[in-house]
Amino acid sequence: MESIRRVNAIEIPLAGKLDLNNARIMEQKFINEYLVSDVDVIGLNMADLRFLDSSGLSIIMRLTSEAQLKGKKIFFISLSP
């Protein structure tokens, strides 16, 4: 996950699978690198995300709630059905 930093904003591309096998790794990286940073806006780019199971969705929803509690805004970019 290589992020693109902008002024007070960051875009995080998600690629491949986000499932039970790697959801916790993504969660820890997100918490350690983005929730404690000075960014106000976090964009999750899902253009290259090919698979998302309930574990991955649960992590995304939990991280979204945590970010909002810290006053950060979360946007979803390039969602596909």
C-alpha atoms as a PDB file:
ATOM      1  CA  MET A   1       0.000   0.000   0.000  1.00  0.00           C
ATOM      2  CA  GLU A   2       1.867   3.062  -1.297  1.00  0.00           C
ATOM      3  CA  SER A   3       0.101   6.265  -0.331  1.00  0.00           C
ATOM      4  CA  ILE A   4      -0.055   9.563  -2.200  1.00  0.00           C
ATOM      5  CA  ARG A   5       0.307  12.533   0.120  1.00  0.00           C
ATOM      6  CA  ARG A   6      -1.302  15.898  -0.554  1.00  0.00           C
ATOM      7  CA  VAL A   7      -1.622  18.970   1.667  1.00  0.00           C
ATOM      8  CA  ASN A   8      -3.511  17.750   4.740  1.00  0.00           C
ATOM      9  CA  ALA A   9      -4.833  14.822   2.709  1.00  0.00           C
ATOM     10  CA  ILE A  10      -3.670  11.377   1.729  1.00  0.00           C
ATOM     11  CA  GLU A  11      -4.859   8.875  -0.832  1.00  0.00           C
ATOM     12  CA  ILE A  12      -4.331   5.234   0.075  1.00  0.00           C
ATOM     13  CA  PRO A  13      -4.632   2.772  -2.796  1.00  0.00           C
ATOM     14  CA  LEU A  14      -5.997  -0.634  -1.865  1.00  0.00           C
ATOM     15  CA  ALA A  15      -5.119  -3.423  -4.293  1.00  0.00           C
ATOM     16  CA  GLY A  16      -5.692  -7.129  -4.698  1.00  0.00           C
ATOM     17  CA  LYS A  17      -7.569  -8.759  -1.839  1.00  0.00           C
ATOM     18  CA  LEU A  18      -8.660  -7.401   1.502  1.00  0.00           C
ATOM     19  CA  ASP A  19      -9.790 -10.451   3.414  1.00  0.00           C
ATOM     20  CA  LEU A  20      -9.351 -12.412   6.614  1.00  0.00           C
ATOM     21  CA  ASN A  21      -5.726 -13.173   5.723  1.00  0.00           C
ATOM     22  CA  ASN A  22      -4.525  -9.579   5.480  1.00  0.00           C
ATOM     23  CA  ALA A  23      -7.190  -7.314   7.015  1.00  0.00           C
ATOM     24  CA  ARG A  24      -5.379  -7.049  10.371  1.00  0.00           C
ATOM     25  CA  ILE A  25      -2.125  -6.054   8.665  1.00  0.00           C
ATOM     26  CA  MET A  26      -3.933  -3.281   6.808  1.00  0.00           C
ATOM     27  CA  GLU A  27      -5.624  -2.197  10.037  1.00  0.00           C
ATOM     28  CA  GLN A  28      -2.329  -1.861  11.928  1.00  0.00           C
ATOM     29  CA  LYS A  29      -0.656   0.023   9.083  1.00  0.00           C
ATOM     30  CA  PHE A  30      -3.628   2.376   8.816  1.00  0.00           C
ATOM     31  CA  ILE A  31      -3.644   3.072  12.552  1.00  0.00           C
ATOM     32  CA  ASN A  32       0.121   3.476  12.873  1.00  0.00           C
ATOM     33  CA  GLU A  33       0.644   5.628   9.791  1.00  0.00           C
ATOM     34  CA  TYR A  34      -2.541   7.564   9.120  1.00  0.00           C
ATOM     35  CA  LEU A  35      -4.708   7.907  12.234  1.00  0.00           C
ATOM     36  CA  VAL A  36      -1.853   9.382  14.244  1.00  0.00           C
ATOM     37  CA  SER A  37      -0.673  11.675  11.438  1.00  0.00           C
ATOM     38  CA  ASP A  38      -1.613  15.291  10.844  1.00  0.00           C
ATOM     39  CA  VAL A  39      -3.745  14.563   7.775  1.00  0.00           C
ATOM     40  CA  ASP A  40      -7.349  15.703   7.911  1.00  0.00           C
ATOM     41  CA  VAL A  41      -8.657  13.872   4.852  1.00  0.00           C
ATOM     42  CA  ILE A  42      -8.058  10.220   3.984  1.00  0.00           C
ATOM     43  CA  GLY A  43      -9.098   8.814   0.616  1.00  0.00           C
ATOM     44  CA  LEU A  44      -9.301   5.045   0.198  1.00  0.00           C
ATOM     45  CA  ASN A  45      -8.811   4.321  -3.497  1.00  0.00           C
ATOM     46  CA  MET A  46     -10.424   1.007  -4.333  1.00  0.00           C
ATOM     47  CA  ALA A  47      -9.807   1.008  -8.092  1.00  0.00           C
ATOM     48  CA  ASP A  48      -7.457  -1.985  -7.875  1.00  0.00           C
ATOM     49  CA  LEU A  49      -9.205  -3.811  -5.040  1.00  0.00           C
ATOM     50  CA  ARG A  50     -10.374  -7.058  -6.602  1.00  0.00           C
ATOM     51  CA  PHE A  51     -11.832  -8.875  -3.578  1.00  0.00           C
ATOM     52  CA  LEU A  52     -13.293  -7.683  -0.288  1.00  0.00           C
ATOM     53  CA  ASP A  53     -14.798 -10.117   2.213  1.00  0.00           C
ATOM     54  CA  SER A  54     -16.703  -9.394   5.420  1.00  0.00           C
ATOM     55  CA  SER A  55     -13.450  -9.225   7.442  1.00  0.00           C
ATOM     56  CA  GLY A  56     -12.043  -6.567   5.131  1.00  0.00           C
ATOM     57  CA  LEU A  57     -15.299  -4.627   5.131  1.00  0.00           C
ATOM     58  CA  SER A  58     -15.440  -4.799   8.931  1.00  0.00           C
ATOM     59  CA  ILE A  59     -11.933  -3.350   9.205  1.00  0.00           C
ATOM     60  CA  ILE A  60     -12.756  -0.544   6.763  1.00  0.00           C
ATOM     61  CA  MET A  61     -15.895   0.363   8.713  1.00  0.00           C
ATOM     62  CA  ARG A  62     -14.085   0.272  12.073  1.00  0.00           C
ATOM     63  CA  LEU A  63     -11.204   2.416  10.760  1.00  0.00           C
ATOM     64  CA  THR A  64     -13.668   4.864   9.241  1.00  0.00           C
ATOM     65  CA  SER A  65     -15.364   5.264  12.625  1.00  0.00           C
ATOM     66  CA  GLU A  66     -12.040   5.698  14.426  1.00  0.00           C
ATOM     67  CA  ALA A  67     -10.879   8.289  11.908  1.00  0.00           C
ATOM     68  CA  GLN A  68     -14.103  10.263  12.260  1.00  0.00           C
ATOM     69  CA  LEU A  69     -13.744  10.242  16.050  1.00  0.00           C
ATOM     70  CA  LYS A  70     -10.331  11.858  15.546  1.00  0.00           C
ATOM     71  CA  GLY A  71     -11.861  14.547  13.342  1.00  0.00           C
ATOM     72  CA  LYS A  72     -10.643  13.107  10.051  1.00  0.00           C
ATOM     73  CA  LYS A  73     -12.780  12.753   6.935  1.00  0.00           C
ATOM     74  CA  ILE A  74     -12.788   9.509   4.955  1.00  0.00           C
ATOM     75  CA  PHE A  75     -13.633   9.279   1.265  1.00  0.00           C
ATOM     76  CA  PHE A  76     -13.968   6.200  -0.903  1.00  0.00           C
ATOM     77  CA  ILE A  77     -12.549   6.550  -4.404  1.00  0.00           C
ATOM     78  CA  SER A  78     -13.272   4.403  -7.470  1.00  0.00           C
ATOM     79  CA  LEU A  79     -15.764   2.004  -5.943  1.00  0.00           C
ATOM     80  CA  SER A  80     -16.978  -0.745  -8.226  1.00  0.00           C
ATOM     81  CA  PRO A  81     -19.874  -3.168  -7.850  1.00  0.00           C
END
